[in-house]
All heavy atoms as atom14 arrays in JSON, in Angstrom:
{
  "sequence": "PVGTLLFYPMVVLSGLFFPIAVLPSYVQALARVLPVSYAVSLMRGI",
  "atom14_mask": [
    [1, 1, 1, 1, 1, 1, 1, 0, 0, 0, 0, 0, 0, 0],
    [1, 1, 1, 1, 1, 1, 1, 0, 0, 0, 0, 0, 0, 0],
    [1, 1, 1, 1, 0, 0, 0, 0, 0, 0, 0, 0, 0, 0],
    [1, 1, 1, 1, 1, 1, 1, 0, 0, 0, 0, 0, 0, 0],
    [1, 1, 1, 1, 1, 1, 1, 1, 0, 0, 0, 0, 0, 0],
    [1, 1, 1, 1, 1, 1, 1, 1, 0, 0, 0, 0, 0, 0],
    [1, 1, 1, 1, 1, 1, 1, 1, 1, 1, 1, 0, 0, 0],
    [1, 1, 1, 1, 1, 1, 1, 1, 1, 1, 1, 1, 0, 0],
    [1, 1, 1, 1, 1, 1, 1, 0, 0, 0, 0, 0, 0, 0],
    [1, 1, 1, 1, 1, 1, 1, 1, 0, 0, 0, 0, 0, 0],
    [1, 1, 1, 1, 1, 1, 1, 0, 0, 0, 0, 0, 0, 0],
    [1, 1, 1, 1, 1, 1, 1, 0, 0, 0, 0, 0, 0, 0],
    [1, 1, 1, 1, 1, 1, 1, 1, 0, 0, 0, 0, 0, 0],
    [1, 1, 1, 1, 1, 1, 0, 0, 0, 0, 0, 0, 0, 0],
    [1, 1, 1, 1, 0, 0, 0, 0, 0, 0, 0, 0, 0, 0],
    [1, 1, 1, 1, 1, 1, 1, 1, 0, 0, 0, 0, 0, 0],
    [1, 1, 1, 1, 1, 1, 1, 1, 1, 1, 1, 0, 0, 0],
    [1, 1, 1, 1, 1, 1, 1, 1, 1, 1, 1, 0, 0, 0],
    [1, 1, 1, 1, 1, 1, 1, 0, 0, 0, 0, 0, 0, 0],
    [1, 1, 1, 1, 1, 1, 1, 1, 0, 0, 0, 0, 0, 0],
    [1, 1, 1, 1, 1, 0, 0, 0, 0, 0, 0, 0, 0, 0],
    [1, 1, 1, 1, 1, 1, 1, 0, 0, 0, 0, 0, 0, 0],
    [1, 1, 1, 1, 1, 1, 1, 1, 0, 0, 0, 0, 0, 0],
    [1, 1, 1, 1, 1, 1, 1, 0, 0, 0, 0, 0, 0, 0],
    [1, 1, 1, 1, 1, 1, 0, 0, 0, 0, 0, 0, 0, 0],
    [1, 1, 1, 1, 1, 1, 1, 1, 1, 1, 1, 1, 0, 0],
    [1, 1, 1, 1, 1, 1, 1, 0, 0, 0, 0, 0, 0, 0],
    [1, 1, 1, 1, 1, 1, 1, 1, 1, 0, 0, 0, 0, 0],
    [1, 1, 1, 1, 1, 0, 0, 0, 0, 0, 0, 0, 0, 0],
    [1, 1, 1, 1, 1, 1, 1, 1, 0, 0, 0, 0, 0, 0],
    [1, 1, 1, 1, 1, 0, 0, 0, 0, 0, 0, 0, 0, 0],
    [1, 1, 1, 1, 1, 1, 1, 1, 1, 1, 1, 0, 0, 0],
    [1, 1, 1, 1, 1, 1, 1, 0, 0, 0, 0, 0, 0, 0],
    [1, 1, 1, 1, 1, 1, 1, 1, 0, 0, 0, 0, 0, 0],
    [1, 1, 1, 1, 1, 1, 1, 0, 0, 0, 0, 0, 0, 0],
    [1, 1, 1, 1, 1, 1, 1, 0, 0, 0, 0, 0, 0, 0],
    [1, 1, 1, 1, 1, 1, 0, 0, 0, 0, 0, 0, 0, 0],
    [1, 1, 1, 1, 1, 1, 1, 1, 1, 1, 1, 1, 0, 0],
    [1, 1, 1, 1, 1, 0, 0, 0, 0, 0, 0, 0, 0, 0],
    [1, 1, 1, 1, 1, 1, 1, 0, 0, 0, 0, 0, 0, 0],
    [1, 1, 1, 1, 1, 1, 0, 0, 0, 0, 0, 0, 0, 0],
    [1, 1, 1, 1, 1, 1, 1, 1, 0, 0, 0, 0, 0, 0],
    [1, 1, 1, 1, 1, 1, 1, 1, 0, 0, 0, 0, 0, 0],
    [1, 1, 1, 1, 1, 1, 1, 1, 1, 1, 1, 0, 0, 0],
    [1, 1, 1, 1, 0, 0, 0, 0, 0, 0, 0, 0, 0, 0],
    [1, 1, 1, 1, 1, 1, 1, 1, 0, 0, 0, 0, 0, 0]
  ],
  "atom14_positions": [
    [[-78.21, 0.34, -55.02], [-77.15, 0.16, -54.02], [-76.68, 1.47, -53.39], [-76.46, 1.53, -52.18], [-76.01, -0.49, -54.83], [-76.69, -1.14, -55.98], [-77.84, -0.25, -56.31], [0.0, 0.0, 0.0], [0.0, 0.0, 0.0], [0.0, 0.0, 0.0], [0.0, 0.0, 0.0], [0.0, 0.0, 0.0], [0.0, 0.0, 0.0], [0.0, 0.0, 0.0]],
    [[-76.53, 2.53, -54.2], [-76.09, 3.81, -53.65], [-77.12, 4.36, -52.68], [-76.79, 4.85, -51.59], [-75.83, 4.82, -54.8], [-75.6, 6.22, -54.22], [-74.63, 4.4, -55.63], [0.0, 0.0, 0.0], [0.0, 0.0, 0.0], [0.0, 0.0, 0.0], [0.0, 0.0, 0.0], [0.0, 0.0, 0.0], [0.0, 0.0, 0.0], [0.0, 0.0, 0.0]],
    [[-78.4, 4.27, -53.06], [-79.46, 4.73, -52.17], [-79.49, 3.95, -50.87], [-79.66, 4.52, -49.79], [0.0, 0.0, 0.0], [0.0, 0.0, 0.0], [0.0, 0.0, 0.0], [0.0, 0.0, 0.0], [0.0, 0.0, 0.0], [0.0, 0.0, 0.0], [0.0, 0.0, 0.0], [0.0, 0.0, 0.0], [0.0, 0.0, 0.0], [0.0, 0.0, 0.0]],
    [[-79.32, 2.65, -50.96], [-79.32, 1.8, -49.77], [-78.16, 2.15, -48.85], [-78.33, 2.26, -47.62], [-79.24, 0.32, -50.17], [-80.36, -0.01, -50.99], [-79.22, -0.58, -48.95], [0.0, 0.0, 0.0], [0.0, 0.0, 0.0], [0.0, 0.0, 0.0], [0.0, 0.0, 0.0], [0.0, 0.0, 0.0], [0.0, 0.0, 0.0], [0.0, 0.0, 0.0]],
    [[-76.98, 2.33, -49.43], [-75.8, 2.67, -48.62], [-75.94, 4.04, -47.96], [-75.34, 4.29, -46.91], [-74.54, 2.64, -49.5], [-74.07, 1.25, -49.94], [-72.92, 1.37, -50.93], [-73.64, 0.43, -48.73], [0.0, 0.0, 0.0], [0.0, 0.0, 0.0], [0.0, 0.0, 0.0], [0.0, 0.0, 0.0], [0.0, 0.0, 0.0], [0.0, 0.0, 0.0]],
    [[-76.73, 4.91, -48.55], [-76.93, 6.23, -47.97], [-77.98, 6.2, -46.87], [-77.78, 6.75, -45.78], [-77.35, 7.22, -49.06], [-77.73, 8.63, -48.56], [-76.51, 9.33, -47.98], [-78.34, 9.44, -49.7], [0.0, 0.0, 0.0], [0.0, 0.0, 0.0], [0.0, 0.0, 0.0], [0.0, 0.0, 0.0], [0.0, 0.0, 0.0], [0.0, 0.0, 0.0]],
    [[-79.12, 5.56, -47.13], [-80.25, 5.67, -46.22], [-80.17, 4.76, -44.99], [-80.46, 5.19, -43.88], [-81.56, 5.38, -46.97], [-82.0, 6.5, -47.86], [-82.09, 6.33, -49.23], [-82.34, 7.74, -47.33], [-82.5, 7.37, -50.05], [-82.75, 8.78, -48.13], [-82.83, 8.6, -49.5], [0.0, 0.0, 0.0], [0.0, 0.0, 0.0], [0.0, 0.0, 0.0]],
    [[-79.77, 3.51, -45.18], [-79.9, 2.57, -44.08], [-78.91, 2.81, -42.92], [-79.28, 2.55, -41.76], [-79.84, 1.13, -44.6], [-81.15, 0.74, -45.22], [-81.35, 0.81, -46.59], [-82.23, 0.37, -44.42], [-82.57, 0.49, -47.16], [-83.45, 0.05, -44.98], [-83.62, 0.12, -46.35], [-84.84, -0.18, -46.9], [0.0, 0.0, 0.0], [0.0, 0.0, 0.0]],
    [[-77.71, 3.31, -43.17], [-76.9, 3.72, -42.0], [-77.56, 4.83, -41.19], [-77.37, 4.91, -39.97], [-75.59, 4.21, -42.65], [-75.49, 3.43, -43.92], [-76.91, 3.32, -44.41], [0.0, 0.0, 0.0], [0.0, 0.0, 0.0], [0.0, 0.0, 0.0], [0.0, 0.0, 0.0], [0.0, 0.0, 0.0], [0.0, 0.0, 0.0], [0.0, 0.0, 0.0]],
    [[-78.34, 5.69, -41.86], [-79.08, 6.72, -41.12], [-80.07, 6.1, -40.15], [-80.3, 6.63, -39.05], [-79.82, 7.64, -42.1], [-78.96, 8.5, -42.99], [-80.01, 9.65, -43.92], [-78.82, 10.34, -45.07], [0.0, 0.0, 0.0], [0.0, 0.0, 0.0], [0.0, 0.0, 0.0], [0.0, 0.0, 0.0], [0.0, 0.0, 0.0], [0.0, 0.0, 0.0]],
    [[-80.68, 4.99, -40.56], [-81.67, 4.33, -39.71], [-81.03, 3.85, -38.42], [-81.61, 3.96, -37.33], [-82.32, 3.15, -40.46], [-83.28, 2.4, -39.56], [-83.03, 3.65, -41.71], [0.0, 0.0, 0.0], [0.0, 0.0, 0.0], [0.0, 0.0, 0.0], [0.0, 0.0, 0.0], [0.0, 0.0, 0.0], [0.0, 0.0, 0.0], [0.0, 0.0, 0.0]],
    [[-79.82, 3.31, -38.52], [-79.13, 2.79, -37.35], [-78.9, 3.9, -36.32], [-79.0, 3.66, -35.1], [-77.78, 2.17, -37.76], [-77.01, 1.69, -36.53], [-78.01, 1.01, -38.72], [0.0, 0.0, 0.0], [0.0, 0.0, 0.0], [0.0, 0.0, 0.0], [0.0, 0.0, 0.0], [0.0, 0.0, 0.0], [0.0, 0.0, 0.0], [0.0, 0.0, 0.0]],
    [[-78.63, 5.11, -36.78], [-78.33, 6.22, -35.88], [-79.54, 7.12, -35.61], [-79.39, 8.18, -35.0], [-77.21, 7.09, -36.49], [-75.89, 6.38, -36.8], [-74.9, 7.35, -37.45], [-75.28, 5.8, -35.53], [0.0, 0.0, 0.0], [0.0, 0.0, 0.0], [0.0, 0.0, 0.0], [0.0, 0.0, 0.0], [0.0, 0.0, 0.0], [0.0, 0.0, 0.0]],
    [[-80.72, 6.69, -36.03], [-81.9, 7.56, -35.95], [-82.58, 7.57, -34.6], [-83.48, 8.38, -34.36], [-82.92, 7.12, -37.01], [-83.42, 5.83, -36.7], [0.0, 0.0, 0.0], [0.0, 0.0, 0.0], [0.0, 0.0, 0.0], [0.0, 0.0, 0.0], [0.0, 0.0, 0.0], [0.0, 0.0, 0.0], [0.0, 0.0, 0.0], [0.0, 0.0, 0.0]],
    [[-82.2, 6.65, -33.7], [-82.89, 6.53, -32.43], [-84.07, 5.58, -32.49], [-84.82, 5.45, -31.52], [0.0, 0.0, 0.0], [0.0, 0.0, 0.0], [0.0, 0.0, 0.0], [0.0, 0.0, 0.0], [0.0, 0.0, 0.0], [0.0, 0.0, 0.0], [0.0, 0.0, 0.0], [0.0, 0.0, 0.0], [0.0, 0.0, 0.0], [0.0, 0.0, 0.0]],
    [[-84.23, 4.89, -33.59], [-85.34, 3.96, -33.74], [-85.14, 2.71, -32.89], [-86.08, 2.22, -32.26], [-85.49, 3.56, -35.21], [-86.61, 2.57, -35.55], [-87.97, 3.18, -35.22], [-86.54, 2.16, -37.02], [0.0, 0.0, 0.0], [0.0, 0.0, 0.0], [0.0, 0.0, 0.0], [0.0, 0.0, 0.0], [0.0, 0.0, 0.0], [0.0, 0.0, 0.0]],
    [[-83.93, 2.19, -32.85], [-83.66, 0.94, -32.14], [-83.07, 1.15, -30.75], [-83.21, 0.3, -29.88], [-82.71, 0.07, -32.97], [-83.24, -0.25, -34.34], [-82.68, 0.32, -35.47], [-84.31, -1.11, -34.5], [-83.18, 0.04, -36.73], [-84.81, -1.4, -35.76], [-84.25, -0.82, -36.88], [0.0, 0.0, 0.0], [0.0, 0.0, 0.0], [0.0, 0.0, 0.0]],
    [[-82.4, 2.27, -30.55], [-81.84, 2.59, -29.24], [-81.71, 4.11, -29.15], [-81.57, 4.79, -30.18], [-80.47, 1.92, -29.02], [-79.54, 2.05, -30.19], [-78.79, 3.2, -30.39], [-79.39, 1.01, -31.1], [-77.92, 3.33, -31.46], [-78.54, 1.12, -32.18], [-77.8, 2.28, -32.35], [0.0, 0.0, 0.0], [0.0, 0.0, 0.0], [0.0, 0.0, 0.0]],
    [[-81.75, 4.67, -27.92], [-81.7, 6.13, -27.77], [-80.4, 6.71, -28.3], [-79.31, 6.13, -28.14], [-81.82, 6.33, -26.25], [-82.42, 5.06, -25.74], [-81.92, 3.98, -26.64], [0.0, 0.0, 0.0], [0.0, 0.0, 0.0], [0.0, 0.0, 0.0], [0.0, 0.0, 0.0], [0.0, 0.0, 0.0], [0.0, 0.0, 0.0], [0.0, 0.0, 0.0]],
    [[-80.51, 7.86, -28.92], [-79.31, 8.55, -29.42], [-78.38, 8.92, -28.27], [-77.16, 8.96, -28.42], [-79.72, 9.8, -30.22], [-80.49, 9.39, -31.48], [-78.5, 10.64, -30.6], [-80.99, 10.55, -32.3], [0.0, 0.0, 0.0], [0.0, 0.0, 0.0], [0.0, 0.0, 0.0], [0.0, 0.0, 0.0], [0.0, 0.0, 0.0], [0.0, 0.0, 0.0]],
    [[-78.95, 9.13, -27.09], [-78.17, 9.56, -25.93], [-77.13, 8.52, -25.48], [-76.16, 8.88, -24.8], [-79.1, 9.9, -24.76], [0.0, 0.0, 0.0], [0.0, 0.0, 0.0], [0.0, 0.0, 0.0], [0.0, 0.0, 0.0], [0.0, 0.0, 0.0], [0.0, 0.0, 0.0], [0.0, 0.0, 0.0], [0.0, 0.0, 0.0], [0.0, 0.0, 0.0]],
    [[-77.31, 7.26, -25.84], [-76.36, 6.23, -25.41], [-75.15, 6.17, -26.33], [-74.18, 5.47, -26.02], [-77.04, 4.85, -25.34], [-78.26, 4.89, -24.45], [-77.42, 4.33, -26.73], [0.0, 0.0, 0.0], [0.0, 0.0, 0.0], [0.0, 0.0, 0.0], [0.0, 0.0, 0.0], [0.0, 0.0, 0.0], [0.0, 0.0, 0.0], [0.0, 0.0, 0.0]],
    [[-75.19, 6.88, -27.43], [-74.08, 6.86, -28.39], [-72.95, 7.76, -27.91], [-73.18, 8.69, -27.11], [-74.57, 7.33, -29.76], [-75.66, 6.49, -30.43], [-76.18, 7.19, -31.68], [-75.12, 5.11, -30.79], [0.0, 0.0, 0.0], [0.0, 0.0, 0.0], [0.0, 0.0, 0.0], [0.0, 0.0, 0.0], [0.0, 0.0, 0.0], [0.0, 0.0, 0.0]],
    [[-71.74, 7.53, -28.39], [-70.64, 8.46, -28.08], [-70.99, 9.87, -28.56], [-71.76, 10.05, -29.49], [-69.45, 7.88, -28.87], [-69.79, 6.43, -29.05], [-71.28, 6.37, -29.17], [0.0, 0.0, 0.0], [0.0, 0.0, 0.0], [0.0, 0.0, 0.0], [0.0, 0.0, 0.0], [0.0, 0.0, 0.0], [0.0, 0.0, 0.0], [0.0, 0.0, 0.0]],
    [[-70.37, 10.86, -27.93], [-70.73, 12.25, -28.2], [-70.56, 12.63, -29.68], [-71.4, 13.32, -30.25], [-69.91, 13.19, -27.33], [-68.52, 12.96, -27.54], [0.0, 0.0, 0.0], [0.0, 0.0, 0.0], [0.0, 0.0, 0.0], [0.0, 0.0, 0.0], [0.0, 0.0, 0.0], [0.0, 0.0, 0.0], [0.0, 0.0, 0.0], [0.0, 0.0, 0.0]],
    [[-69.49, 12.15, -30.3], [-69.27, 12.51, -31.7], [-70.28, 11.83, -32.62], [-70.64, 12.37, -33.66], [-67.83, 12.17, -32.12], [-67.47, 10.7, -32.08], [-67.64, 9.89, -33.2], [-66.96, 10.12, -30.92], [-67.31, 8.54, -33.16], [-66.65, 8.78, -30.87], [-66.82, 7.99, -31.99], [-66.5, 6.66, -31.94], [0.0, 0.0, 0.0], [0.0, 0.0, 0.0]],
    [[-70.73, 10.63, -32.24], [-71.75, 9.95, -33.03], [-73.1, 10.63, -32.8], [-73.91, 10.75, -33.73], [-71.83, 8.46, -32.67], [-72.88, 7.75, -33.52], [-70.47, 7.8, -32.85], [0.0, 0.0, 0.0], [0.0, 0.0, 0.0], [0.0, 0.0, 0.0], [0.0, 0.0, 0.0], [0.0, 0.0, 0.0], [0.0, 0.0, 0.0], [0.0, 0.0, 0.0]],
    [[-73.35, 11.1, -31.58], [-74.57, 11.85, -31.31], [-74.64, 13.1, -32.19], [-75.7, 13.44, -32.73], [-74.64, 12.26, -29.84], [-74.9, 11.13, -28.88], [-75.09, 11.63, -27.45], [-75.71, 12.66, -27.23], [-74.56, 10.89, -26.5], [0.0, 0.0, 0.0], [0.0, 0.0, 0.0], [0.0, 0.0, 0.0], [0.0, 0.0, 0.0], [0.0, 0.0, 0.0]],
    [[-73.5, 13.78, -32.33], [-73.46, 14.99, -33.15], [-73.82, 14.65, -34.6], [-74.54, 15.41, -35.27], [-72.08, 15.62, -33.08], [0.0, 0.0, 0.0], [0.0, 0.0, 0.0], [0.0, 0.0, 0.0], [0.0, 0.0, 0.0], [0.0, 0.0, 0.0], [0.0, 0.0, 0.0], [0.0, 0.0, 0.0], [0.0, 0.0, 0.0], [0.0, 0.0, 0.0]],
    [[-73.34, 13.51, -35.08], [-73.67, 13.08, -36.44], [-75.16, 12.75, -36.56], [-75.82, 13.14, -37.52], [-72.83, 11.86, -36.82], [-73.15, 11.19, -38.17], [-72.94, 12.17, -39.31], [-72.31, 9.93, -38.36], [0.0, 0.0, 0.0], [0.0, 0.0, 0.0], [0.0, 0.0, 0.0], [0.0, 0.0, 0.0], [0.0, 0.0, 0.0], [0.0, 0.0, 0.0]],
    [[-75.68, 12.03, -35.55], [-77.09, 11.64, -35.58], [-78.0, 12.86, -35.58], [-79.08, 12.84, -36.2], [-77.41, 10.75, -34.38], [0.0, 0.0, 0.0], [0.0, 0.0, 0.0], [0.0, 0.0, 0.0], [0.0, 0.0, 0.0], [0.0, 0.0, 0.0], [0.0, 0.0, 0.0], [0.0, 0.0, 0.0], [0.0, 0.0, 0.0], [0.0, 0.0, 0.0]],
    [[-77.57, 13.94, -34.92], [-78.42, 15.14, -34.82], [-78.55, 15.88, -36.14], [-79.44, 16.7, -36.29], [-77.83, 16.09, -33.77], [-77.78, 15.53, -32.35], [-79.14, 15.22, -31.8], [-79.06, 14.71, -30.43], [-80.09, 14.19, -29.77], [-81.27, 14.1, -30.37], [-79.94, 13.74, -28.55], [0.0, 0.0, 0.0], [0.0, 0.0, 0.0], [0.0, 0.0, 0.0]],
    [[-77.67, 15.59, -37.1], [-77.77, 16.28, -38.39], [-78.4, 15.39, -39.46], [-78.6, 15.84, -40.59], [-76.38, 16.76, -38.88], [-75.78, 17.72, -37.87], [-75.44, 15.59, -39.13], [0.0, 0.0, 0.0], [0.0, 0.0, 0.0], [0.0, 0.0, 0.0], [0.0, 0.0, 0.0], [0.0, 0.0, 0.0], [0.0, 0.0, 0.0], [0.0, 0.0, 0.0]],
    [[-78.72, 14.16, -39.1], [-79.33, 13.25, -40.07], [-80.84, 13.45, -40.07], [-81.49, 13.4, -39.03], [-78.99, 11.8, -39.72], [-77.5, 11.43, -39.77], [-77.32, 9.98, -39.34], [-76.94, 11.65, -41.17], [0.0, 0.0, 0.0], [0.0, 0.0, 0.0], [0.0, 0.0, 0.0], [0.0, 0.0, 0.0], [0.0, 0.0, 0.0], [0.0, 0.0, 0.0]],
    [[-81.44, 13.65, -41.22], [-82.88, 13.91, -41.3], [-83.74, 12.76, -40.8], [-84.84, 12.98, -40.29], [-83.11, 14.18, -42.8], [-81.96, 13.55, -43.49], [-80.8, 13.68, -42.56], [0.0, 0.0, 0.0], [0.0, 0.0, 0.0], [0.0, 0.0, 0.0], [0.0, 0.0, 0.0], [0.0, 0.0, 0.0], [0.0, 0.0, 0.0], [0.0, 0.0, 0.0]],
    [[-83.27, 11.52, -40.95], [-84.06, 10.38, -40.52], [-84.3, 10.41, -39.02], [-85.34, 9.96, -38.53], [-83.38, 9.06, -40.95], [-84.14, 7.85, -40.42], [-83.28, 8.98, -42.47], [0.0, 0.0, 0.0], [0.0, 0.0, 0.0], [0.0, 0.0, 0.0], [0.0, 0.0, 0.0], [0.0, 0.0, 0.0], [0.0, 0.0, 0.0], [0.0, 0.0, 0.0]],
    [[-83.36, 10.97, -38.25], [-83.52, 11.09, -36.8], [-84.74, 11.94, -36.47], [-85.52, 11.63, -35.56], [-82.27, 11.69, -36.17], [-81.13, 10.91, -36.44], [0.0, 0.0, 0.0], [0.0, 0.0, 0.0], [0.0, 0.0, 0.0], [0.0, 0.0, 0.0], [0.0, 0.0, 0.0], [0.0, 0.0, 0.0], [0.0, 0.0, 0.0], [0.0, 0.0, 0.0]],
    [[-84.92, 13.02, -37.21], [-86.06, 13.91, -36.98], [-87.36, 13.27, -37.46], [-88.42, 13.5, -36.87], [-85.81, 15.25, -37.67], [-84.62, 15.97, -37.11], [-83.39, 15.93, -37.75], [-84.71, 16.68, -35.91], [-82.28, 16.58, -37.22], [-83.6, 17.33, -35.38], [-82.39, 17.28, -36.03], [-81.3, 17.91, -35.51], [0.0, 0.0, 0.0], [0.0, 0.0, 0.0]],
    [[-87.28, 12.48, -38.51], [-88.47, 11.77, -38.99], [-88.95, 10.77, -37.94], [-90.15, 10.67, -37.65], [-88.16, 11.07, -40.31], [0.0, 0.0, 0.0], [0.0, 0.0, 0.0], [0.0, 0.0, 0.0], [0.0, 0.0, 0.0], [0.0, 0.0, 0.0], [0.0, 0.0, 0.0], [0.0, 0.0, 0.0], [0.0, 0.0, 0.0], [0.0, 0.0, 0.0]],
    [[-88.01, 10.04, -37.34], [-88.36, 9.08, -36.3], [-88.96, 9.79, -35.09], [-89.99, 9.36, -34.54], [-87.12, 8.26, -35.88], [-87.39, 7.48, -34.6], [-86.71, 7.31, -37.0], [0.0, 0.0, 0.0], [0.0, 0.0, 0.0], [0.0, 0.0, 0.0], [0.0, 0.0, 0.0], [0.0, 0.0, 0.0], [0.0, 0.0, 0.0], [0.0, 0.0, 0.0]],
    [[-88.34, 10.88, -34.67], [-88.84, 11.64, -33.53], [-90.25, 12.15, -33.78], [-91.12, 12.07, -32.9], [-87.89, 12.8, -33.23], [-88.4, 13.61, -32.18], [0.0, 0.0, 0.0], [0.0, 0.0, 0.0], [0.0, 0.0, 0.0], [0.0, 0.0, 0.0], [0.0, 0.0, 0.0], [0.0, 0.0, 0.0], [0.0, 0.0, 0.0], [0.0, 0.0, 0.0]],
    [[-90.49, 12.67, -34.98], [-91.81, 13.21, -35.31], [-92.86, 12.11, -35.33], [-93.92, 12.23, -34.68], [-91.75, 13.91, -36.67], [-93.08, 14.43, -37.21], [-93.63, 15.53, -36.3], [-92.92, 14.94, -38.64], [0.0, 0.0, 0.0], [0.0, 0.0, 0.0], [0.0, 0.0, 0.0], [0.0, 0.0, 0.0], [0.0, 0.0, 0.0], [0.0, 0.0, 0.0]],
    [[-92.61, 11.04, -36.06], [-93.61, 9.98, -36.19], [-93.87, 9.29, -34.86], [-95.01, 8.98, -34.52], [-93.16, 8.97, -37.25], [-93.17, 9.54, -38.67], [-92.88, 8.32, -39.97], [-91.14, 7.92, -39.71], [0.0, 0.0, 0.0], [0.0, 0.0, 0.0], [0.0, 0.0, 0.0], [0.0, 0.0, 0.0], [0.0, 0.0, 0.0], [0.0, 0.0, 0.0]],
    [[-92.82, 9.05, -34.1], [-92.99, 8.4, -32.8], [-93.79, 9.3, -31.85], [-94.69, 8.82, -31.15], [-91.61, 8.1, -32.2], [-91.67, 7.52, -30.79], [-90.26, 7.29, -30.28], [-89.64, 6.14, -30.93], [-88.32, 5.93, -30.95], [-87.51, 6.83, -30.44], [-87.84, 4.85, -31.52], [0.0, 0.0, 0.0], [0.0, 0.0, 0.0], [0.0, 0.0, 0.0]],
    [[-93.48, 10.59, -31.85], [-94.19, 11.51, -30.96], [-95.66, 11.65, -31.32], [-96.53, 11.63, -30.44], [0.0, 0.0, 0.0], [0.0, 0.0, 0.0], [0.0, 0.0, 0.0], [0.0, 0.0, 0.0], [0.0, 0.0, 0.0], [0.0, 0.0, 0.0], [0.0, 0.0, 0.0], [0.0, 0.0, 0.0], [0.0, 0.0, 0.0], [0.0, 0.0, 0.0]],
    [[-95.95, 11.77, -32.61], [-97.34, 11.91, -33.05], [-98.12, 10.64, -32.73], [-99.28, 10.68, -32.32], [-97.41, 12.24, -34.55], [-96.76, 13.61, -34.82], [-98.86, 12.25, -35.02], [-97.39, 14.77, -34.09], [0.0, 0.0, 0.0], [0.0, 0.0, 0.0], [0.0, 0.0, 0.0], [0.0, 0.0, 0.0], [0.0, 0.0, 0.0], [0.0, 0.0, 0.0]]
  ]
}
């Protein structure tokens, strides 16, 4: 449960389902520090 509560909110803000740019500025700032966002960007780009 602790792992799930930590990881899956990151997925929502990772840019996987919608662009990070459409989020409010403060949420964008949070998304930019989450590692899952960079994982999505890397895998999608490759």
